[in-house]
Protein backbone atom coordinates (compact mmCIF):
# COMPACT_ATOMS: atom_id res chain seq x y z
CA MET A 1 164.50 28.77 147.93
CA GLU A 2 164.63 26.38 145.01
CA ILE A 3 161.89 26.15 142.53
CA GLU A 4 161.70 22.83 140.53
CA THR A 5 159.82 23.59 137.35
CA GLU A 6 159.66 19.95 136.14
CA GLU A 7 158.12 18.87 139.21
CA PRO A 8 154.56 17.23 138.32
CA ARG A 9 152.42 19.76 140.22
CA ALA A 10 154.26 22.57 138.51
CA ARG A 11 153.88 21.17 135.20
CA ARG A 12 150.01 20.70 135.85
CA VAL A 13 149.65 24.28 136.70
CA ALA A 14 151.78 25.52 133.79
CA LYS A 15 149.74 23.14 131.56
CA ALA A 16 146.36 24.47 132.81
CA VAL A 17 147.51 28.09 132.28
CA VAL A 18 148.69 27.45 128.74
CA GLU A 19 145.35 25.76 128.09
CA LEU A 20 143.54 28.70 129.27
CA VAL A 21 145.49 30.99 127.08
CA LEU A 22 144.91 28.79 124.16
CA SER A 23 141.12 28.82 124.77
CA GLU A 24 141.05 32.61 124.15
CA LEU A 25 142.40 32.03 120.48
CA PRO A 26 140.15 31.34 117.55
CA GLN A 27 142.37 28.50 116.35
CA ALA A 28 145.41 26.73 117.26
CA PRO A 29 148.56 29.02 117.17
CA ALA A 30 150.88 28.61 114.08
CA PRO A 31 153.55 26.10 114.81
CA HIS A 32 156.49 28.40 114.51
CA THR A 33 155.13 30.62 117.55
CA GLU A 34 156.46 30.68 120.96
CA LEU A 35 153.00 29.73 122.32
CA ALA A 36 152.73 26.73 120.04
CA GLN A 37 156.19 25.47 121.11
CA VAL A 38 155.29 26.06 124.81
CA ALA A 39 152.10 24.07 124.38
CA ALA A 40 153.89 21.28 122.62
CA ARG A 41 156.51 21.04 125.36
CA LEU A 42 153.73 20.81 127.98
CA GLU A 43 151.83 18.32 125.80
CA VAL A 44 148.72 20.68 125.85
CA GLY A 45 146.16 19.58 123.16
CA GLU A 46 143.01 21.22 122.17
CA PRO A 47 141.65 23.41 125.02
CA ARG A 48 138.68 21.82 126.97
CA TRP A 49 137.14 25.26 127.23
CA GLY A 50 135.83 27.31 124.46
CA GLY A 51 135.68 31.06 124.72
CA ALA A 52 134.92 34.26 123.03
CA VAL A 53 138.00 35.74 121.19
CA HIS A 54 139.28 39.31 121.36
CA GLY A 55 137.51 41.81 119.32
CA GLY A 56 138.89 44.66 117.33
CA VAL A 57 139.57 45.55 113.89
CA ASP A 58 142.71 43.98 112.45
CA ASP A 59 145.26 46.82 111.22
CA LEU A 60 146.60 45.44 107.77
CA ARG A 61 147.26 48.86 106.39
CA HIS A 62 150.98 49.13 107.46
CA PRO A 63 153.29 48.20 104.66
CA TYR A 64 155.42 45.99 106.83
CA LEU A 65 153.43 44.94 110.06
CA ALA A 66 150.08 43.36 110.58
CA LEU A 67 148.02 43.43 113.79
CA ARG A 68 145.41 40.61 114.31
CA HIS A 69 143.55 41.51 117.44
CA GLU A 70 142.02 38.04 117.77
CA LEU A 71 145.41 36.43 118.20
CA CYS A 72 146.40 38.78 120.96
CA ILE A 73 146.85 37.33 124.47
CA SER A 74 147.52 40.75 125.97
CA CYS A 75 151.07 39.77 127.33
CA GLY A 76 152.37 43.23 126.67
CA ARG A 77 155.64 42.16 125.21
CA CYS A 78 155.07 44.20 122.23
CA VAL A 79 154.52 47.28 124.18
CA ARG A 80 157.55 46.82 126.17
CA ALA A 81 159.68 46.01 123.03
CA CYS A 82 158.50 49.19 121.53
CA ASP A 83 158.90 51.42 124.54
CA GLU A 84 162.17 49.97 125.97
CA VAL A 85 163.99 48.58 123.24
CA GLN A 86 163.17 51.06 120.26
CA GLY A 87 161.89 54.16 122.20
CA ALA A 88 159.16 54.72 119.72
CA PHE A 89 156.10 54.36 122.21
CA ALA A 90 153.86 53.42 119.42
CA LEU A 91 152.01 50.72 121.14
CA THR A 92 149.85 50.90 124.24
CA ALA A 93 147.76 48.55 126.21
CA THR A 94 144.03 49.33 126.31
CA GLY A 95 140.87 48.15 128.26
CA ARG A 96 140.89 45.67 131.26
CA GLY A 97 140.22 42.04 131.75
CA PHE A 98 138.85 40.23 128.61
CA GLU A 99 138.55 43.60 126.90
CA ALA A 100 142.31 44.15 127.09
CA ASN A 101 144.23 44.57 123.79
CA ILE A 102 146.86 46.45 122.14
CA ALA A 103 146.60 49.72 120.22
CA ALA A 104 148.93 51.51 117.83
CA GLY A 105 148.88 55.26 117.61
CA LEU A 106 146.12 55.92 120.11
CA ASP A 107 143.96 53.35 118.19
CA ALA A 108 144.44 55.09 114.87
CA GLY A 109 146.60 52.29 113.50
CA PHE A 110 150.36 51.41 112.77
CA GLU A 111 150.29 54.03 109.83
CA GLU A 112 149.29 56.99 111.94
CA SER A 113 151.48 56.10 114.92
CA SER A 114 155.11 56.88 115.91
CA CYS A 115 155.97 53.38 114.48
CA VAL A 116 159.56 53.15 112.84
CA SER A 117 158.90 49.75 111.30
CA CYS A 118 161.67 48.11 113.34
CA GLY A 119 159.81 44.91 113.84
CA ALA A 120 160.78 44.58 117.57
CA CYS A 121 157.12 44.04 118.48
CA ALA A 122 156.76 41.29 115.85
CA ASP A 123 159.99 39.64 116.95
CA THR A 124 158.70 39.32 120.66
CA CYS A 125 155.00 38.40 119.95
CA PRO A 126 154.41 34.72 121.21
CA THR A 127 151.20 34.30 118.93
CA ASP A 128 152.01 36.28 115.82
CA ALA A 129 149.09 38.81 116.65
CA ILE A 130 151.72 41.30 115.43
CA SER A 131 153.62 39.89 112.29
CA GLU A 132 155.83 41.13 109.66
CA ILE A 133 154.37 41.28 106.26
CA SER A 134 156.86 39.77 103.84
CA LEU A 135 157.82 41.65 100.71
CA VAL A 136 156.78 38.66 98.54
CA LYS A 137 153.12 38.78 100.04
CA ARG A 138 153.01 42.52 99.33
CA LEU A 139 154.21 42.06 95.75
CA LYS A 140 151.74 39.33 95.11
CA GLY A 141 148.93 41.29 96.66
CA ALA A 142 148.17 38.53 99.29
């Protein structure tokens, strides 16, 4: 079986799926993110549907990593990177459906988790929901 991904019907479906994912975000994703690049490649503009955004308290206490729940699309890539690449098992998926989200350290935050600050989760996150905090920002207090 051969699957043609540039076939018009396949592109329409992919475009609709990306638009649905974008509708869950509070704003357009940052241009450098994988999600923004996929949306640009598929020529997805502003989502036609508005939606509620993910709740949760952002975890900005870790010296190197920031977790912003409202940017999370619950793809699970960070959990897999933490578990399978690093073996730290610091992240876990919580909830179901629209309540699904990512938690660090049994929802106690990165500081209280088994996180080793490797950055594998941030490297694989397509939306910057988990991102590395630069040393420059830390020194400036931003």
